[in-house]
């Protein structure tokens, strides 16, 4: 089966544990053809997984209108990232979300959000 989502994905956990399903890695050529960002799922994330899985990440972003002021965008961005550890303790798949995934965002980042990312030293791609 094919699935999309952050790791560890509950449906993959169940398939690996109950049916012995195995997650396949993508080659560098396949990743290049997908035009997505390379992502590694750490070894041991799923039952029977002894090595890292090479795959792609799926961009999921929050959008704002150009009417949103910088202070609000900054506050929303800061609150999200400062709450992520707490969210991860309640739902493990949040652990797979990191600042390294900002390269997935192909649109302009709101100036207020960009301010937060600059403050924490997050790497923003040239298209941001």
PDB file of N, CA and C in Angstrom:
ATOM      1  N   UNK A   1       0.830  -1.183   0.000  1.00  0.00           N
ATOM      2  CA  UNK A   1       0.000   0.000   0.000  1.00  0.00           C
ATOM      3  C   UNK A   1       0.868   1.237   0.000  1.00  0.00           C
ATOM      4  N   UNK A   2       0.299   2.346  -0.334  1.00  0.00           N
ATOM      5  CA  UNK A   2       1.001   3.627  -0.333  1.00  0.00           C
ATOM      6  C   UNK A   2       0.328   4.510   0.702  1.00  0.00           C
ATOM      7  N   UNK A   3       1.126   5.244   1.450  1.00  0.00           N
ATOM      8  CA  UNK A   3       0.574   6.149   2.454  1.00  0.00           C
ATOM      9  C   UNK A   3       1.404   7.416   2.497  1.00  0.00           C
ATOM     10  N   UNK A   4       0.811   8.477   2.976  1.00  0.00           N
ATOM     11  CA  UNK A   4       1.523   9.743   3.141  1.00  0.00           C
ATOM     12  C   UNK A   4       1.224  10.270   4.533  1.00  0.00           C
ATOM     13  N   UNK A   5       2.233  10.785   5.176  1.00  0.00           N
ATOM     14  CA  UNK A   5       2.054  11.348   6.507  1.00  0.00           C
ATOM     15  C   UNK A   5       3.370  11.349   7.243  1.00  0.00           C
ATOM     16  N   UNK A   6       3.372  11.969   8.396  1.00  0.00           N
ATOM     17  CA  UNK A   6       4.577  12.012   9.215  1.00  0.00           C
ATOM     18  C   UNK A   6       4.822  10.652   9.848  1.00  0.00           C
ATOM     19  N   UNK A   7       6.050  10.417  10.189  1.00  0.00           N
ATOM     20  CA  UNK A   7       6.396   9.163  10.849  1.00  0.00           C
ATOM     21  C   UNK A   7       6.519   9.385  12.347  1.00  0.00           C
ATOM     22  N   UNK A   8       6.262   8.412  13.172  1.00  0.00           N
ATOM     23  CA  UNK A   8       5.768   7.088  12.836  1.00  0.00           C
ATOM     24  C   UNK A   8       4.261   7.116  12.563  1.00  0.00           C
ATOM     25  N   UNK A   9       3.878   6.668  11.397  1.00  0.00           N
ATOM     26  CA  UNK A   9       2.471   6.675  10.982  1.00  0.00           C
ATOM     27  C   UNK A   9       1.751   5.480  11.616  1.00  0.00           C
ATOM     28  N   UNK A  10       0.628   5.728  12.293  1.00  0.00           N
ATOM     29  CA  UNK A  10      -0.088   4.631  12.956  1.00  0.00           C
ATOM     30  C   UNK A  10      -0.439   3.469  12.021  1.00  0.00           C
ATOM     31  N   UNK A  11      -0.839   3.767  10.785  1.00  0.00           N
ATOM     32  CA  UNK A  11      -1.203   2.678   9.871  1.00  0.00           C
ATOM     33  C   UNK A  11       0.015   1.840   9.480  1.00  0.00           C
ATOM     34  N   UNK A  12       1.185   2.454   9.411  1.00  0.00           N
ATOM     35  CA  UNK A  12       2.401   1.707   9.082  1.00  0.00           C
ATOM     36  C   UNK A  12       2.868   0.917  10.303  1.00  0.00           C
ATOM     37  N   UNK A  13       2.732   1.500  11.493  1.00  0.00           N
ATOM     38  CA  UNK A  13       3.079   0.775  12.724  1.00  0.00           C
ATOM     39  C   UNK A  13       2.273  -0.519  12.794  1.00  0.00           C
ATOM     40  N   UNK A  14       0.977  -0.405  12.560  1.00  0.00           N
ATOM     41  CA  UNK A  14       0.098  -1.576  12.629  1.00  0.00           C
ATOM     42  C   UNK A  14       0.445  -2.606  11.553  1.00  0.00           C
ATOM     43  N   UNK A  15       0.673  -2.146  10.334  1.00  0.00           N
ATOM     44  CA  UNK A  15       0.999  -3.073   9.239  1.00  0.00           C
ATOM     45  C   UNK A  15       2.328  -3.779   9.489  1.00  0.00           C
ATOM     46  N   UNK A  16       3.315  -3.042   9.992  1.00  0.00           N
ATOM     47  CA  UNK A  16       4.625  -3.642  10.250  1.00  0.00           C
ATOM     48  C   UNK A  16       4.560  -4.640  11.403  1.00  0.00           C
ATOM     49  N   UNK A  17       3.789  -4.304  12.434  1.00  0.00           N
ATOM     50  CA  UNK A  17       3.713  -5.169  13.612  1.00  0.00           C
ATOM     51  C   UNK A  17       2.834  -6.397  13.391  1.00  0.00           C
ATOM     52  N   UNK A  18       1.723  -6.227  12.690  1.00  0.00           N
ATOM     53  CA  UNK A  18       0.769  -7.336  12.587  1.00  0.00           C
ATOM     54  C   UNK A  18       0.934  -8.188  11.329  1.00  0.00           C
ATOM     55  N   UNK A  19       1.351  -7.568  10.241  1.00  0.00           N
ATOM     56  CA  UNK A  19       1.430  -8.305   8.979  1.00  0.00           C
ATOM     57  C   UNK A  19       2.853  -8.441   8.462  1.00  0.00           C
ATOM     58  N   UNK A  20       3.811  -7.895   9.201  1.00  0.00           N
ATOM     59  CA  UNK A  20       5.197  -7.977   8.754  1.00  0.00           C
ATOM     60  C   UNK A  20       5.487  -7.149   7.518  1.00  0.00           C
ATOM     61  N   UNK A  21       4.677  -6.124   7.284  1.00  0.00           N
ATOM     62  CA  UNK A  21       4.893  -5.255   6.120  1.00  0.00           C
ATOM     63  C   UNK A  21       6.257  -4.587   6.230  1.00  0.00           C
ATOM     64  N   UNK A  22       6.840  -4.299   5.107  1.00  0.00           N
ATOM     65  CA  UNK A  22       8.163  -3.685   5.043  1.00  0.00           C
ATOM     66  C   UNK A  22       8.059  -2.398   4.236  1.00  0.00           C
ATOM     67  N   UNK A  23       8.668  -1.328   4.743  1.00  0.00           N
ATOM     68  CA  UNK A  23       8.666  -0.048   4.041  1.00  0.00           C
ATOM     69  C   UNK A  23       9.884  -0.016   3.124  1.00  0.00           C
ATOM     70  N   UNK A  24       9.656   0.293   1.866  1.00  0.00           N
ATOM     71  CA  UNK A  24      10.732   0.320   0.877  1.00  0.00           C
ATOM     72  C   UNK A  24      11.331   1.712   0.767  1.00  0.00           C
ATOM     73  N   UNK A  25      12.633   1.767   0.556  1.00  0.00           N
ATOM     74  CA  UNK A  25      13.318   3.037   0.330  1.00  0.00           C
ATOM     75  C   UNK A  25      13.238   3.424  -1.138  1.00  0.00           C
ATOM     76  N   UNK A  26      13.336   4.711  -1.384  1.00  0.00           N
ATOM     77  CA  UNK A  26      13.412   5.234  -2.746  1.00  0.00           C
ATOM     78  C   UNK A  26      14.872   5.466  -3.101  1.00  0.00           C
ATOM     79  N   UNK A  27      15.200   5.328  -4.364  1.00  0.00           N
ATOM     80  CA  UNK A  27      16.554   5.625  -4.828  1.00  0.00           C
ATOM     81  C   UNK A  27      16.688   7.135  -5.004  1.00  0.00           C
ATOM     82  N   UNK A  28      17.918   7.608  -5.103  1.00  0.00           N
ATOM     83  CA  UNK A  28      18.140   9.036  -5.344  1.00  0.00           C
ATOM     84  C   UNK A  28      17.489   9.476  -6.650  1.00  0.00           C
ATOM     85  N   UNK A  29      17.527   8.604  -7.656  1.00  0.00           N
ATOM     86  CA  UNK A  29      16.907   8.926  -8.946  1.00  0.00           C
ATOM     87  C   UNK A  29      15.387   9.070  -8.801  1.00  0.00           C
ATOM     88  N   UNK A  30      14.772   8.180  -8.047  1.00  0.00           N
ATOM     89  CA  UNK A  30      13.325   8.268  -7.829  1.00  0.00           C
ATOM     90  C   UNK A  30      12.958   9.548  -7.079  1.00  0.00           C
ATOM     91  N   UNK A  31      13.772   9.905  -6.099  1.00  0.00           N
ATOM     92  CA  UNK A  31      13.516  11.134  -5.345  1.00  0.00           C
ATOM     93  C   UNK A  31      13.643  12.341  -6.263  1.00  0.00           C
ATOM     94  N   UNK A  32      14.665  12.350  -7.100  1.00  0.00           N
ATOM     95  CA  UNK A  32      14.850  13.458  -8.036  1.00  0.00           C
ATOM     96  C   UNK A  32      13.648  13.587  -8.967  1.00  0.00           C
ATOM     97  N   UNK A  33      13.160  12.473  -9.467  1.00  0.00           N
ATOM     98  CA  UNK A  33      11.996  12.490 -10.359  1.00  0.00           C
ATOM     99  C   UNK A  33      10.733  12.994  -9.657  1.00  0.00           C
ATOM    100  N   UNK A  34      10.640  12.766  -8.358  1.00  0.00           N
ATOM    101  CA  UNK A  34       9.453  13.194  -7.609  1.00  0.00           C
ATOM    102  C   UNK A  34       9.427  14.707  -7.376  1.00  0.00           C
ATOM    103  N   UNK A  35      10.603  15.348  -7.498  1.00  0.00           N
ATOM    104  CA  UNK A  35      10.757  16.788  -7.253  1.00  0.00           C
ATOM    105  C   UNK A  35      10.359  17.163  -5.823  1.00  0.00           C
ATOM    106  N   UNK A  36      10.545  16.235  -4.924  1.00  0.00           N
ATOM    107  CA  UNK A  36      10.268  16.467  -3.510  1.00  0.00           C
ATOM    108  C   UNK A  36      11.584  16.448  -2.732  1.00  0.00           C
ATOM    109  N   UNK A  37      11.504  16.811  -1.474  1.00  0.00           N
ATOM    110  CA  UNK A  37      12.669  16.853  -0.608  1.00  0.00           C
ATOM    111  C   UNK A  37      12.934  15.468  -0.018  1.00  0.00           C
ATOM    112  N   UNK A  38      14.199  15.073  -0.015  1.00  0.00           N
ATOM    113  CA  UNK A  38      14.617  13.775   0.536  1.00  0.00           C
ATOM    114  C   UNK A  38      14.394  13.771   2.049  1.00  0.00           C
ATOM    115  N   UNK A  39      13.950  12.642   2.566  1.00  0.00           N
ATOM    116  CA  UNK A  39      13.704  12.479   3.999  1.00  0.00           C
ATOM    117  C   UNK A  39      14.154  11.090   4.416  1.00  0.00           C
ATOM    118  N   UNK A  40      14.787  10.992   5.576  1.00  0.00           N
ATOM    119  CA  UNK A  40      15.174   9.689   6.108  1.00  0.00           C
ATOM    120  C   UNK A  40      14.370   9.403   7.358  1.00  0.00           C
ATOM    121  N   UNK A  41      13.725   8.249   7.377  1.00  0.00           N
ATOM    122  CA  UNK A  41      13.020   7.774   8.561  1.00  0.00           C
ATOM    123  C   UNK A  41      14.030   6.928   9.336  1.00  0.00           C
ATOM    124  N   UNK A  42      14.325   7.290  10.582  1.00  0.00           N
ATOM    125  CA  UNK A  42      15.372   6.592  11.334  1.00  0.00           C
ATOM    126  C   UNK A  42      15.110   5.095  11.507  1.00  0.00           C
ATOM    127  N   UNK A  43      16.205   4.347  11.551  1.00  0.00           N
ATOM    128  CA  UNK A  43      16.120   2.907  11.817  1.00  0.00           C
ATOM    129  C   UNK A  43      15.379   2.688  13.127  1.00  0.00           C
ATOM    130  N   UNK A  44      14.596   1.621  13.189  1.00  0.00           N
ATOM    131  CA  UNK A  44      13.879   1.291  14.408  1.00  0.00           C
ATOM    132  C   UNK A  44      12.552   2.004  14.591  1.00  0.00           C
ATOM    133  N   UNK A  45      12.174   2.831  13.627  1.00  0.00           N
ATOM    134  CA  UNK A  45      10.894   3.532  13.731  1.00  0.00           C
ATOM    135  C   UNK A  45       9.742   2.538  13.662  1.00  0.00           C
ATOM    136  N   UNK A  46       9.883   1.517  12.836  1.00  0.00           N
ATOM    137  CA  UNK A  46       8.846   0.499  12.658  1.00  0.00           C
ATOM    138  C   UNK A  46       9.398  -0.879  12.996  1.00  0.00           C
ATOM    139  N   UNK A  47       8.506  -1.792  13.385  1.00  0.00           N
ATOM    140  CA  UNK A  47       8.900  -3.170  13.697  1.00  0.00           C
ATOM    141  C   UNK A  47       9.638  -3.786  12.507  1.00  0.00           C
ATOM    142  N   UNK A  48      10.770  -4.416  12.797  1.00  0.00           N
ATOM    143  CA  UNK A  48      11.528  -5.091  11.754  1.00  0.00           C
ATOM    144  C   UNK A  48      12.356  -4.177  10.866  1.00  0.00           C
ATOM    145  N   UNK A  49      12.411  -2.898  11.189  1.00  0.00           N
ATOM    146  CA  UNK A  49      13.160  -1.934  10.366  1.00  0.00           C
ATOM    147  C   UNK A  49      14.539  -1.726  10.982  1.00  0.00           C
ATOM    148  N   UNK A  50      15.556  -2.348  10.415  1.00  0.00           N
ATOM    149  CA  UNK A  50      16.898  -2.279  10.992  1.00  0.00           C
ATOM    150  C   UNK A  50      17.759  -1.161  10.414  1.00  0.00           C
ATOM    151  N   UNK A  51      17.310  -0.547   9.324  1.00  0.00           N
ATOM    152  CA  UNK A  51      18.084   0.556   8.740  1.00  0.00           C
ATOM    153  C   UNK A  51      17.151   1.712   8.387  1.00  0.00           C
ATOM    154  N   UNK A  52      17.752   2.859   8.143  1.00  0.00           N
ATOM    155  CA  UNK A  52      16.965   4.044   7.789  1.00  0.00           C
ATOM    156  C   UNK A  52      16.224   3.811   6.473  1.00  0.00           C
ATOM    157  N   UNK A  53      15.083   4.451   6.345  1.00  0.00           N
ATOM    158  CA  UNK A  53      14.285   4.382   5.117  1.00  0.00           C
ATOM    159  C   UNK A  53      14.422   5.721   4.409  1.00  0.00           C
ATOM    160  N   UNK A  54      14.818   5.687   3.152  1.00  0.00           N
ATOM    161  CA  UNK A  54      14.934   6.904   2.359  1.00  0.00           C
ATOM    162  C   UNK A  54      13.640   7.104   1.588  1.00  0.00           C
ATOM    163  N   UNK A  55      13.038   8.260   1.777  1.00  0.00           N
ATOM    164  CA  UNK A  55      11.762   8.561   1.135  1.00  0.00           C
ATOM    165  C   UNK A  55      11.708  10.062   0.835  1.00  0.00           C
ATOM    166  N   UNK A  56      10.531  10.571   0.608  1.00  0.00           N
ATOM    167  CA  UNK A  56      10.371  12.011   0.397  1.00  0.00           C
ATOM    168  C   UNK A  56       9.427  12.567   1.446  1.00  0.00           C
ATOM    169  N   UNK A  57       9.515  13.859   1.663  1.00  0.00           N
ATOM    170  CA  UNK A  57       8.597  14.494   2.600  1.00  0.00           C
ATOM    171  C   UNK A  57       7.482  15.176   1.824  1.00  0.00           C
ATOM    172  N   UNK A  58       6.376  15.287   2.480  1.00  0.00           N
ATOM    173  CA  UNK A  58       5.177  15.862   1.884  1.00  0.00           C
ATOM    174  C   UNK A  58       4.922  17.216   2.528  1.00  0.00           C
ATOM    175  N   UNK A  59       4.892  18.290   1.743  1.00  0.00           N
ATOM    176  CA  UNK A  59       4.704  19.608   2.354  1.00  0.00           C
ATOM    177  C   UNK A  59       3.286  19.806   2.882  1.00  0.00           C
ATOM    178  N   UNK A  60       3.215  20.214   4.128  1.00  0.00           N
ATOM    179  CA  UNK A  60       1.953  20.604   4.752  1.00  0.00           C
ATOM    180  C   UNK A  60       2.227  21.939   5.422  1.00  0.00           C
ATOM    181  N   UNK A  61       1.544  22.958   4.994  1.00  0.00           N
ATOM    182  CA  UNK A  61       1.807  24.296   5.516  1.00  0.00           C
ATOM    183  C   UNK A  61       0.502  24.991   5.890  1.00  0.00           C
ATOM    184  N   UNK A  62       0.640  26.011   6.712  1.00  0.00           N
ATOM    185  CA  UNK A  62      -0.500  26.873   7.039  1.00  0.00           C
ATOM    186  C   UNK A  62      -0.347  28.133   6.198  1.00  0.00           C
ATOM    187  N   UNK A  63      -1.407  28.542   5.575  1.00  0.00           N
ATOM    188  CA  UNK A  63      -1.373  29.728   4.725  1.00  0.00           C
ATOM    189  C   UNK A  63      -2.068  30.894   5.407  1.00  0.00           C
ATOM    190  N   UNK A  64      -1.634  32.096   5.079  1.00  0.00           N
ATOM    191  CA  UNK A  64      -2.248  33.320   5.588  1.00  0.00           C
ATOM    192  C   UNK A  64      -2.480  34.260   4.412  1.00  0.00           C
ATOM    193  N   UNK A  65      -3.385  35.173   4.585  1.00  0.00           N
ATOM    194  CA  UNK A  65      -3.585  36.182   3.548  1.00  0.00           C
ATOM    195  C   UNK A  65      -2.545  37.275   3.725  1.00  0.00           C
ATOM    196  N   UNK A  66      -2.415  38.102   2.733  1.00  0.00           N
ATOM    197  CA  UNK A  66      -1.479  39.225   2.828  1.00  0.00           C
ATOM    198  C   UNK A  66      -1.973  40.266   3.828  1.00  0.00           C
ATOM    199  N   UNK A  67      -3.210  40.118   4.289  1.00  0.00           N
ATOM    200  CA  UNK A  67      -3.749  41.045   5.291  1.00  0.00           C
ATOM    201  C   UNK A  67      -3.271  40.734   6.706  1.00  0.00           C
ATOM    202  N   UNK A  68      -2.712  39.545   6.929  1.00  0.00           N
ATOM    203  CA  UNK A  68      -2.253  39.211   8.282  1.00  0.00           C
ATOM    204  C   UNK A  68      -1.037  40.057   8.629  1.00  0.00           C
ATOM    205  N   UNK A  69      -1.077  40.682   9.794  1.00  0.00           N
ATOM    206  CA  UNK A  69       0.051  41.530  10.192  1.00  0.00           C
ATOM    207  C   UNK A  69       1.219  40.657  10.660  1.00  0.00           C
ATOM    208  N   UNK A  70       2.403  41.253  10.622  1.00  0.00           N
ATOM    209  CA  UNK A  70       3.622  40.521  10.952  1.00  0.00           C
ATOM    210  C   UNK A  70       3.608  39.964  12.372  1.00  0.00           C
ATOM    211  N   UNK A  71       3.087  40.740  13.333  1.00  0.00           N
ATOM    212  CA  UNK A  71       3.080  40.304  14.729  1.00  0.00           C
ATOM    213  C   UNK A  71       2.236  39.043  14.912  1.00  0.00           C
ATOM    214  N   UNK A  72       1.104  38.976  14.239  1.00  0.00           N
ATOM    215  CA  UNK A  72       0.240  37.797  14.350  1.00  0.00           C
ATOM    216  C   UNK A  72       0.905  36.583  13.717  1.00  0.00           C
ATOM    217  N   UNK A  73       1.480  36.747  12.530  1.00  0.00           N
ATOM    218  CA  UNK A  73       2.165  35.632  11.863  1.00  0.00           C
ATOM    219  C   UNK A  73       3.344  35.147  12.706  1.00  0.00           C
ATOM    220  N   UNK A  74       4.071  36.075  13.296  1.00  0.00           N
ATOM    221  CA  UNK A  74       5.195  35.729  14.170  1.00  0.00           C
ATOM    222  C   UNK A  74       4.695  34.922  15.372  1.00  0.00           C
ATOM    223  N   UNK A  75       3.636  35.415  16.024  1.00  0.00           N
ATOM    224  CA  UNK A  75       3.098  34.753  17.219  1.00  0.00           C
ATOM    225  C   UNK A  75       2.587  33.349  16.897  1.00  0.00           C
ATOM    226  N   UNK A  76       1.887  33.196  15.788  1.00  0.00           N
ATOM    227  CA  UNK A  76       1.386  31.876  15.394  1.00  0.00           C
ATOM    228  C   UNK A  76       2.531  30.898  15.134  1.00  0.00           C
ATOM    229  N   UNK A  77       3.546  31.371  14.423  1.00  0.00           N
ATOM    230  CA  UNK A  77       4.692  30.519  14.090  1.00  0.00           C
ATOM    231  C   UNK A  77       5.449  30.122  15.348  1.00  0.00           C
ATOM    232  N   UNK A  78       5.721  31.095  16.194  1.00  0.00           N
ATOM    233  CA  UNK A  78       6.445  30.829  17.444  1.00  0.00           C
ATOM    234  C   UNK A  78       5.659  29.864  18.329  1.00  0.00           C
ATOM    235  N   UNK A  79       4.363  30.086  18.465  1.00  0.00           N
ATOM    236  CA  UNK A  79       3.529  29.219  19.301  1.00  0.00           C
ATOM    237  C   UNK A  79       3.536  27.787  18.776  1.00  0.00           C
ATOM    238  N   UNK A  80       3.421  27.634  17.462  1.00  0.00           N
ATOM    239  CA  UNK A  80       3.444  26.284  16.888  1.00  0.00           C
ATOM    240  C   UNK A  80       4.736  25.568  17.258  1.00  0.00           C
ATOM    241  N   UNK A  81       5.879  26.175  16.943  1.00  0.00           N
ATOM    242  CA  UNK A  81       7.150  25.492  17.146  1.00  0.00           C
ATOM    243  C   UNK A  81       7.461  25.294  18.620  1.00  0.00           C
ATOM    244  N   UNK A  82       7.045  26.224  19.477  1.00  0.00           N
ATOM    245  CA  UNK A  82       7.298  26.053  20.906  1.00  0.00           C
ATOM    246  C   UNK A  82       6.352  25.027  21.533  1.00  0.00           C
ATOM    247  N   UNK A  83       5.271  24.694  20.851  1.00  0.00           N
ATOM    248  CA  UNK A  83       4.310  23.694  21.340  1.00  0.00           C
ATOM    249  C   UNK A  83       4.550  22.312  20.738  1.00  0.00           C
ATOM    250  N   UNK A  84       5.447  22.229  19.771  1.00  0.00           N
ATOM    251  CA  UNK A  84       5.630  20.976  19.038  1.00  0.00           C
ATOM    252  C   UNK A  84       6.060  19.823  19.945  1.00  0.00           C
ATOM    253  N   UNK A  85       6.916  20.061  20.911  1.00  0.00           N
ATOM    254  CA  UNK A  85       7.349  18.984  21.812  1.00  0.00           C
ATOM    255  C   UNK A  85       6.161  18.421  22.586  1.00  0.00           C
ATOM    256  N   UNK A  86       5.304  19.301  23.049  1.00  0.00           N
ATOM    257  CA  UNK A  86       4.104  18.864  23.764  1.00  0.00           C
ATOM    258  C   UNK A  86       3.177  18.079  22.838  1.00  0.00           C
ATOM    259  N   UNK A  87       3.021  18.560  21.609  1.00  0.00           N
ATOM    260  CA  UNK A  87       2.179  17.847  20.642  1.00  0.00           C
ATOM    261  C   UNK A  87       2.771  16.471  20.341  1.00  0.00           C
ATOM    262  N   UNK A  88       4.100  16.390  20.274  1.00  0.00           N
ATOM    263  CA  UNK A  88       4.772  15.122  19.976  1.00  0.00           C
ATOM    264  C   UNK A  88       4.557  14.092  21.071  1.00  0.00           C
ATOM    265  N   UNK A  89       4.441  14.555  22.314  1.00  0.00           N
ATOM    266  CA  UNK A  89       4.226  13.594  23.401  1.00  0.00           C
ATOM    267  C   UNK A  89       2.828  12.986  23.321  1.00  0.00           C
ATOM    268  N   UNK A  90       1.888  13.716  22.741  1.00  0.00           N
ATOM    269  CA  UNK A  90       0.531  13.206  22.590  1.00  0.00           C
ATOM    270  C   UNK A  90       0.318  12.428  21.310  1.00  0.00           C
ATOM    271  N   UNK A  91       1.068  12.748  20.281  1.00  0.00           N
ATOM    272  CA  UNK A  91       0.953  12.086  18.977  1.00  0.00           C
ATOM    273  C   UNK A  91       2.361  11.987  18.393  1.00  0.00           C
ATOM    274  N   UNK A  92       2.942  10.793  18.447  1.00  0.00           N
ATOM    275  CA  UNK A  92       4.346  10.589  18.056  1.00  0.00           C
ATOM    276  C   UNK A  92       4.687  11.107  16.666  1.00  0.00           C
ATOM    277  N   UNK A  93       3.726  11.111  15.738  1.00  0.00           N
ATOM    278  CA  UNK A  93       4.050  11.519  14.373  1.00  0.00           C
ATOM    279  C   UNK A  93       4.481  12.977  14.304  1.00  0.00           C
ATOM    280  N   UNK A  94       4.131  13.794  15.307  1.00  0.00           N
ATOM    281  CA  UNK A  94       4.632  15.175  15.315  1.00  0.00           C
ATOM    282  C   UNK A  94       6.157  15.201  15.429  1.00  0.00           C
ATOM    283  N   UNK A  95       6.753  14.139  15.969  1.00  0.00           N
ATOM    284  CA  UNK A  95       8.211  14.075  16.111  1.00  0.00           C
ATOM    285  C   UNK A  95       8.914  14.123  14.761  1.00  0.00           C
ATOM    286  N   UNK A  96       8.233  13.687  13.718  1.00  0.00           N
ATOM    287  CA  UNK A  96       8.829  13.687  12.384  1.00  0.00           C
ATOM    288  C   UNK A  96       8.833  15.048  11.708  1.00  0.00           C
ATOM    289  N   UNK A  97       8.206  16.036  12.339  1.00  0.00           N
ATOM    290  CA  UNK A  97       8.136  17.390  11.774  1.00  0.00           C
ATOM    291  C   UNK A  97       9.294  18.202  12.347  1.00  0.00           C
ATOM    292  N   UNK A  98      10.100  18.794  11.473  1.00  0.00           N
ATOM    293  CA  UNK A  98      11.248  19.567  11.947  1.00  0.00           C
ATOM    294  C   UNK A  98      11.468  20.809  11.088  1.00  0.00           C
ATOM    295  N   UNK A  99      12.255  21.721  11.634  1.00  0.00           N
ATOM    296  CA  UNK A  99      12.597  22.939  10.895  1.00  0.00           C
ATOM    297  C   UNK A  99      13.348  22.622   9.608  1.00  0.00           C
ATOM    298  N   UNK A 100      13.976  21.463   9.543  1.00  0.00           N
ATOM    299  CA  UNK A 100      14.687  21.062   8.321  1.00  0.00           C
ATOM    300  C   UNK A 100      13.741  20.917   7.136  1.00  0.00           C
ATOM    301  N   UNK A 101      12.459  20.803   7.407  1.00  0.00           N
ATOM    302  CA  UNK A 101      11.473  20.611   6.343  1.00  0.00           C
ATOM    303  C   UNK A 101      11.031  21.915   5.685  1.00  0.00           C
ATOM    304  N   UNK A 102      11.578  23.039   6.112  1.00  0.00           N
ATOM    305  CA  UNK A 102      11.181  24.316   5.515  1.00  0.00           C
ATOM    306  C   UNK A 102      11.477  24.369   4.022  1.00  0.00           C
ATOM    307  N   UNK A 103      12.425  23.567   3.562  1.00  0.00           N
ATOM    308  CA  UNK A 103      12.724  23.521   2.122  1.00  0.00           C
ATOM    309  C   UNK A 103      11.534  23.043   1.304  1.00  0.00           C
ATOM    310  N   UNK A 104      10.609  22.347   1.947  1.00  0.00           N
ATOM    311  CA  UNK A 104       9.413  21.858   1.254  1.00  0.00           C
ATOM    312  C   UNK A 104       8.466  22.984   0.862  1.00  0.00           C
ATOM    313  N   UNK A 105       8.583  24.106   1.524  1.00  0.00           N
ATOM    314  CA  UNK A 105       7.665  25.218   1.268  1.00  0.00           C
ATOM    315  C   UNK A 105       8.143  25.957   0.024  1.00  0.00           C
ATOM    316  N   UNK A 106       7.340  25.894  -1.013  1.00  0.00           N
ATOM    317  CA  UNK A 106       7.739  26.483  -2.292  1.00  0.00           C
ATOM    318  C   UNK A 106       7.144  27.869  -2.511  1.00  0.00           C
ATOM    319  N   UNK A 107       6.349  28.336  -1.572  1.00  0.00           N
ATOM    320  CA  UNK A 107       5.750  29.663  -1.684  1.00  0.00           C
ATOM    321  C   UNK A 107       6.497  30.633  -0.781  1.00  0.00           C
ATOM    322  N   UNK A 108       6.155  31.882  -0.885  1.00  0.00           N
ATOM    323  CA  UNK A 108       6.776  32.906  -0.051  1.00  0.00           C
ATOM    324  C   UNK A 108       6.355  32.713   1.401  1.00  0.00           C
ATOM    325  N   UNK A 109       7.301  32.856   2.313  1.00  0.00           N
ATOM    326  CA  UNK A 109       7.002  32.762   3.737  1.00  0.00           C
ATOM    327  C   UNK A 109       6.660  34.158   4.243  1.00  0.00           C
ATOM    328  N   UNK A 110       5.600  34.250   5.024  1.00  0.00           N
ATOM    329  CA  UNK A 110       5.146  35.533   5.572  1.00  0.00           C
ATOM    330  C   UNK A 110       6.303  36.192   6.332  1.00  0.00           C
ATOM    331  N   UNK A 111       6.489  37.503   6.200  1.00  0.00           N
ATOM    332  CA  UNK A 111       7.586  38.186   6.895  1.00  0.00           C
ATOM    333  C   UNK A 111       7.587  37.958   8.410  1.00  0.00           C
ATOM    334  N   UNK A 112       6.423  37.878   9.020  1.00  0.00           N
ATOM    335  CA  UNK A 112       6.355  37.622  10.461  1.00  0.00           C
ATOM    336  C   UNK A 112       6.870  36.240  10.817  1.00  0.00           C
ATOM    337  N   UNK A 113       6.516  35.241  10.013  1.00  0.00           N
ATOM    338  CA  UNK A 113       7.007  33.878  10.225  1.00  0.00           C
ATOM    339  C   UNK A 113       8.508  33.825   9.942  1.00  0.00           C
ATOM    340  N   UNK A 114       8.940  34.498   8.884  1.00  0.00           N
ATOM    341  CA  UNK A 114      10.363  34.522   8.527  1.00  0.00           C
ATOM    342  C   UNK A 114      11.198  35.107   9.664  1.00  0.00           C
ATOM    343  N   UNK A 115      10.660  36.105  10.348  1.00  0.00           N
ATOM    344  CA  UNK A 115      11.366  36.713  11.488  1.00  0.00           C
ATOM    345  C   UNK A 115      11.631  35.658  12.560  1.00  0.00           C
ATOM    346  N   UNK A 116      10.618  34.857  12.867  1.00  0.00           N
ATOM    347  CA  UNK A 116      10.805  33.796  13.869  1.00  0.00           C
ATOM    348  C   UNK A 116      11.868  32.805  13.399  1.00  0.00           C
ATOM    349  N   UNK A 117      11.771  32.365  12.150  1.00  0.00           N
ATOM    350  CA  UNK A 117      12.730  31.388  11.636  1.00  0.00           C
ATOM    351  C   UNK A 117      14.156  31.936  11.673  1.00  0.00           C
ATOM    352  N   UNK A 118      14.322  33.219  11.385  1.00  0.00           N
ATOM    353  CA  UNK A 118      15.651  33.831  11.447  1.00  0.00           C
ATOM    354  C   UNK A 118      16.159  33.861  12.888  1.00  0.00           C
ATOM    355  N   UNK A 119      15.269  34.161  13.835  1.00  0.00           N
ATOM    356  CA  UNK A 119      15.657  34.217  15.248  1.00  0.00           C
ATOM    357  C   UNK A 119      16.160  32.876  15.767  1.00  0.00           C
ATOM    358  N   UNK A 120      15.568  31.791  15.289  1.00  0.00           N
ATOM    359  CA  UNK A 120      15.979  30.466  15.777  1.00  0.00           C
ATOM    360  C   UNK A 120      17.052  29.831  14.895  1.00  0.00           C
ATOM    361  N   UNK A 121      17.500  30.556  13.881  1.00  0.00           N
ATOM    362  CA  UNK A 121      18.570  30.060  13.022  1.00  0.00           C
ATOM    363  C   UNK A 121      18.142  28.995  12.037  1.00  0.00           C
ATOM    364  N   UNK A 122      16.848  28.945  11.726  1.00  0.00           N
ATOM    365  CA  UNK A 122      16.359  27.971  10.745  1.00  0.00           C
ATOM    366  C   UNK A 122      16.842  28.361   9.355  1.00  0.00           C
ATOM    367  N   UNK A 123      17.195  27.355   8.583  1.00  0.00           N
ATOM    368  CA  UNK A 123      17.677  27.591   7.218  1.00  0.00           C
ATOM    369  C   UNK A 123      16.485  27.798   6.288  1.00  0.00           C
ATOM    370  N   UNK A 124      16.434  28.956   5.658  1.00  0.00           N
ATOM    371  CA  UNK A 124      15.391  29.243   4.676  1.00  0.00           C
ATOM    372  C   UNK A 124      16.007  29.177   3.284  1.00  0.00           C
ATOM    373  N   UNK A 125      15.325  28.524   2.383  1.00  0.00           N
ATOM    374  CA  UNK A 125      15.809  28.401   1.005  1.00  0.00           C
ATOM    375  C   UNK A 125      15.758  29.753   0.311  1.00  0.00           C
ATOM    376  N   UNK A 126      16.481  29.878  -0.770  1.00  0.00           N
ATOM    377  CA  UNK A 126      16.545  31.154  -1.498  1.00  0.00           C
ATOM    378  C   UNK A 126      15.194  31.576  -2.053  1.00  0.00           C
ATOM    379  N   UNK A 127      14.271  30.621  -2.281  1.00  0.00           N
ATOM    380  CA  UNK A 127      12.961  30.993  -2.812  1.00  0.00           C
ATOM    381  C   UNK A 127      12.035  31.551  -1.729  1.00  0.00           C
ATOM    382  N   UNK A 128      12.491  31.608  -0.488  1.00  0.00           N
ATOM    383  CA  UNK A 128      11.682  32.186   0.580  1.00  0.00           C
ATOM    384  C   UNK A 128      12.033  33.647   0.674  1.00  0.00           C
TER     385      UNK A 128
END
